[in-house]
Amino acid sequence: MAKKVSKNSRVGKGQRTGGTGRDYVKVVKSIKDPETGKYTYQEVMVHKDNVKEFLAKK
């Protein structure tokens, strides 16, 4: 019979391997077209430390 692995023992696995995908977030930015007035959406995976820089630039 297999032993059950506790949730707490699985939490730190990403830190030992050098990081996980949880460091990245999906950012959706709306951009308005000046000619037509329609909005388009830009979806990008950005590191969570660089989100403010991405949203600040045009």
N, C-alpha and C. Protein backbone atom coordinates (compact mmCIF):
# COMPACT_ATOMS: atom_id res chain seq x y z
N MET A 1 0.84 -1.18 0.00
CA MET A 1 0.00 0.00 0.00
C MET A 1 0.89 1.24 0.00
N ALA A 2 0.63 2.15 -0.94
CA ALA A 2 1.47 3.35 -1.08
C ALA A 2 1.13 4.37 -0.01
N LYS A 3 2.17 5.05 0.44
CA LYS A 3 1.96 6.11 1.42
C LYS A 3 1.47 7.36 0.71
N LYS A 4 0.63 8.10 1.37
CA LYS A 4 0.10 9.33 0.84
C LYS A 4 1.13 10.45 1.05
N VAL A 5 1.39 11.25 0.02
CA VAL A 5 2.35 12.35 0.13
C VAL A 5 1.60 13.57 0.63
N SER A 6 2.12 14.18 1.68
CA SER A 6 1.44 15.34 2.23
C SER A 6 1.66 16.56 1.35
N LYS A 7 0.72 17.49 1.41
CA LYS A 7 0.78 18.71 0.62
C LYS A 7 2.01 19.54 1.01
N ASN A 8 2.34 19.57 2.26
CA ASN A 8 3.44 20.40 2.73
C ASN A 8 4.79 19.92 2.22
N SER A 9 4.95 18.66 1.94
CA SER A 9 6.23 18.17 1.44
C SER A 9 6.43 18.49 -0.03
N ARG A 10 5.34 18.80 -0.76
CA ARG A 10 5.43 19.10 -2.18
C ARG A 10 5.62 20.59 -2.45
N VAL A 11 5.43 21.44 -1.46
CA VAL A 11 5.43 22.89 -1.67
C VAL A 11 6.79 23.40 -2.11
N GLY A 12 7.88 22.94 -1.52
CA GLY A 12 9.19 23.50 -1.79
C GLY A 12 9.93 22.91 -2.97
N LYS A 13 9.30 22.07 -3.78
CA LYS A 13 10.01 21.41 -4.88
C LYS A 13 10.54 22.39 -5.91
N GLY A 14 9.80 23.44 -6.24
CA GLY A 14 10.23 24.39 -7.25
C GLY A 14 11.44 25.18 -6.83
N GLN A 15 11.60 25.41 -5.56
CA GLN A 15 12.74 26.18 -5.08
C GLN A 15 14.03 25.40 -5.22
N ARG A 16 13.97 24.10 -5.11
CA ARG A 16 15.17 23.29 -5.24
C ARG A 16 15.63 23.18 -6.68
N THR A 17 14.69 23.22 -7.63
CA THR A 17 15.05 23.04 -9.03
C THR A 17 15.46 24.35 -9.69
N GLY A 18 15.41 25.45 -8.98
CA GLY A 18 15.84 26.71 -9.55
C GLY A 18 14.72 27.57 -10.08
N GLY A 19 13.50 27.32 -9.69
CA GLY A 19 12.38 28.15 -10.11
C GLY A 19 11.31 27.35 -10.83
N THR A 20 10.17 27.97 -10.95
CA THR A 20 9.04 27.32 -11.61
C THR A 20 8.40 28.28 -12.58
N GLY A 21 7.37 27.82 -13.24
CA GLY A 21 6.60 28.67 -14.13
C GLY A 21 5.72 29.64 -13.39
N ARG A 22 5.66 29.54 -12.10
CA ARG A 22 4.83 30.45 -11.31
C ARG A 22 5.43 31.84 -11.23
N ASP A 23 6.63 32.02 -11.73
CA ASP A 23 7.25 33.33 -11.73
C ASP A 23 6.71 34.19 -12.87
N TYR A 24 5.98 33.60 -13.79
CA TYR A 24 5.45 34.31 -14.93
C TYR A 24 3.93 34.46 -14.81
N VAL A 25 3.43 35.61 -15.28
CA VAL A 25 2.00 35.87 -15.27
C VAL A 25 1.56 36.27 -16.67
N LYS A 26 0.30 36.03 -16.97
CA LYS A 26 -0.24 36.42 -18.27
C LYS A 26 -0.84 37.81 -18.13
N VAL A 27 -0.37 38.74 -18.96
CA VAL A 27 -0.83 40.12 -18.91
C VAL A 27 -1.60 40.41 -20.19
N VAL A 28 -2.80 40.97 -20.05
CA VAL A 28 -3.62 41.34 -21.19
C VAL A 28 -3.71 42.86 -21.20
N LYS A 29 -3.24 43.45 -22.30
CA LYS A 29 -3.21 44.91 -22.43
C LYS A 29 -4.12 45.32 -23.57
N SER A 30 -5.02 46.27 -23.32
CA SER A 30 -5.91 46.74 -24.38
C SER A 30 -5.27 47.93 -25.07
N ILE A 31 -5.31 47.92 -26.40
CA ILE A 31 -4.71 48.98 -27.20
C ILE A 31 -5.78 49.51 -28.15
N LYS A 32 -6.01 50.83 -28.11
CA LYS A 32 -7.03 51.44 -28.96
C LYS A 32 -6.40 51.91 -30.26
N ASP A 33 -7.03 51.54 -31.38
CA ASP A 33 -6.57 51.96 -32.70
C ASP A 33 -7.02 53.41 -32.92
N PRO A 34 -6.09 54.33 -33.17
CA PRO A 34 -6.49 55.74 -33.31
C PRO A 34 -7.34 56.02 -34.55
N GLU A 35 -7.23 55.23 -35.59
CA GLU A 35 -7.99 55.47 -36.81
C GLU A 35 -9.43 55.00 -36.70
N THR A 36 -9.62 53.76 -36.22
CA THR A 36 -10.97 53.19 -36.18
C THR A 36 -11.64 53.31 -34.82
N GLY A 37 -10.85 53.46 -33.77
CA GLY A 37 -11.42 53.54 -32.43
C GLY A 37 -11.69 52.18 -31.82
N LYS A 38 -11.34 51.11 -32.53
CA LYS A 38 -11.55 49.76 -32.02
C LYS A 38 -10.41 49.36 -31.10
N TYR A 39 -10.72 48.48 -30.17
CA TYR A 39 -9.72 47.98 -29.24
C TYR A 39 -9.21 46.62 -29.70
N THR A 40 -7.92 46.42 -29.55
CA THR A 40 -7.31 45.10 -29.73
C THR A 40 -6.63 44.74 -28.42
N TYR A 41 -6.43 43.48 -28.21
CA TYR A 41 -5.86 43.01 -26.95
C TYR A 41 -4.57 42.26 -27.21
N GLN A 42 -3.55 42.63 -26.45
CA GLN A 42 -2.24 42.00 -26.56
C GLN A 42 -2.04 41.14 -25.31
N GLU A 43 -1.86 39.85 -25.52
CA GLU A 43 -1.65 38.92 -24.42
C GLU A 43 -0.19 38.46 -24.42
N VAL A 44 0.48 38.63 -23.29
CA VAL A 44 1.90 38.30 -23.19
C VAL A 44 2.17 37.65 -21.85
N MET A 45 3.07 36.65 -21.86
CA MET A 45 3.55 36.06 -20.62
C MET A 45 4.77 36.86 -20.18
N VAL A 46 4.70 37.48 -18.99
CA VAL A 46 5.75 38.37 -18.51
C VAL A 46 6.18 37.90 -17.12
N HIS A 47 7.45 38.05 -16.82
CA HIS A 47 7.93 37.75 -15.47
C HIS A 47 7.26 38.70 -14.49
N LYS A 48 6.90 38.21 -13.34
CA LYS A 48 6.12 39.02 -12.41
C LYS A 48 6.86 40.26 -11.91
N ASP A 49 8.18 40.31 -12.03
CA ASP A 49 8.93 41.49 -11.65
C ASP A 49 8.88 42.57 -12.73
N ASN A 50 8.51 42.22 -13.96
CA ASN A 50 8.52 43.16 -15.08
C ASN A 50 7.14 43.59 -15.54
N VAL A 51 6.11 43.35 -14.74
CA VAL A 51 4.75 43.67 -15.17
C VAL A 51 4.55 45.17 -15.29
N LYS A 52 5.01 45.94 -14.32
CA LYS A 52 4.79 47.39 -14.37
C LYS A 52 5.51 48.03 -15.55
N GLU A 53 6.71 47.56 -15.89
CA GLU A 53 7.43 48.10 -17.03
C GLU A 53 6.68 47.79 -18.33
N PHE A 54 6.11 46.59 -18.42
CA PHE A 54 5.38 46.22 -19.63
C PHE A 54 4.14 47.08 -19.80
N LEU A 55 3.41 47.33 -18.73
CA LEU A 55 2.20 48.12 -18.83
C LEU A 55 2.49 49.60 -19.04
N ALA A 56 3.67 50.07 -18.62
CA ALA A 56 4.01 51.48 -18.76
C ALA A 56 4.38 51.85 -20.19
N LYS A 57 5.02 50.93 -20.92
CA LYS A 57 5.44 51.26 -22.29
C LYS A 57 4.27 51.15 -23.26
N LYS A 58 4.34 51.92 -24.34
CA LYS A 58 3.26 51.91 -25.33
C LYS A 58 3.65 51.11 -26.54
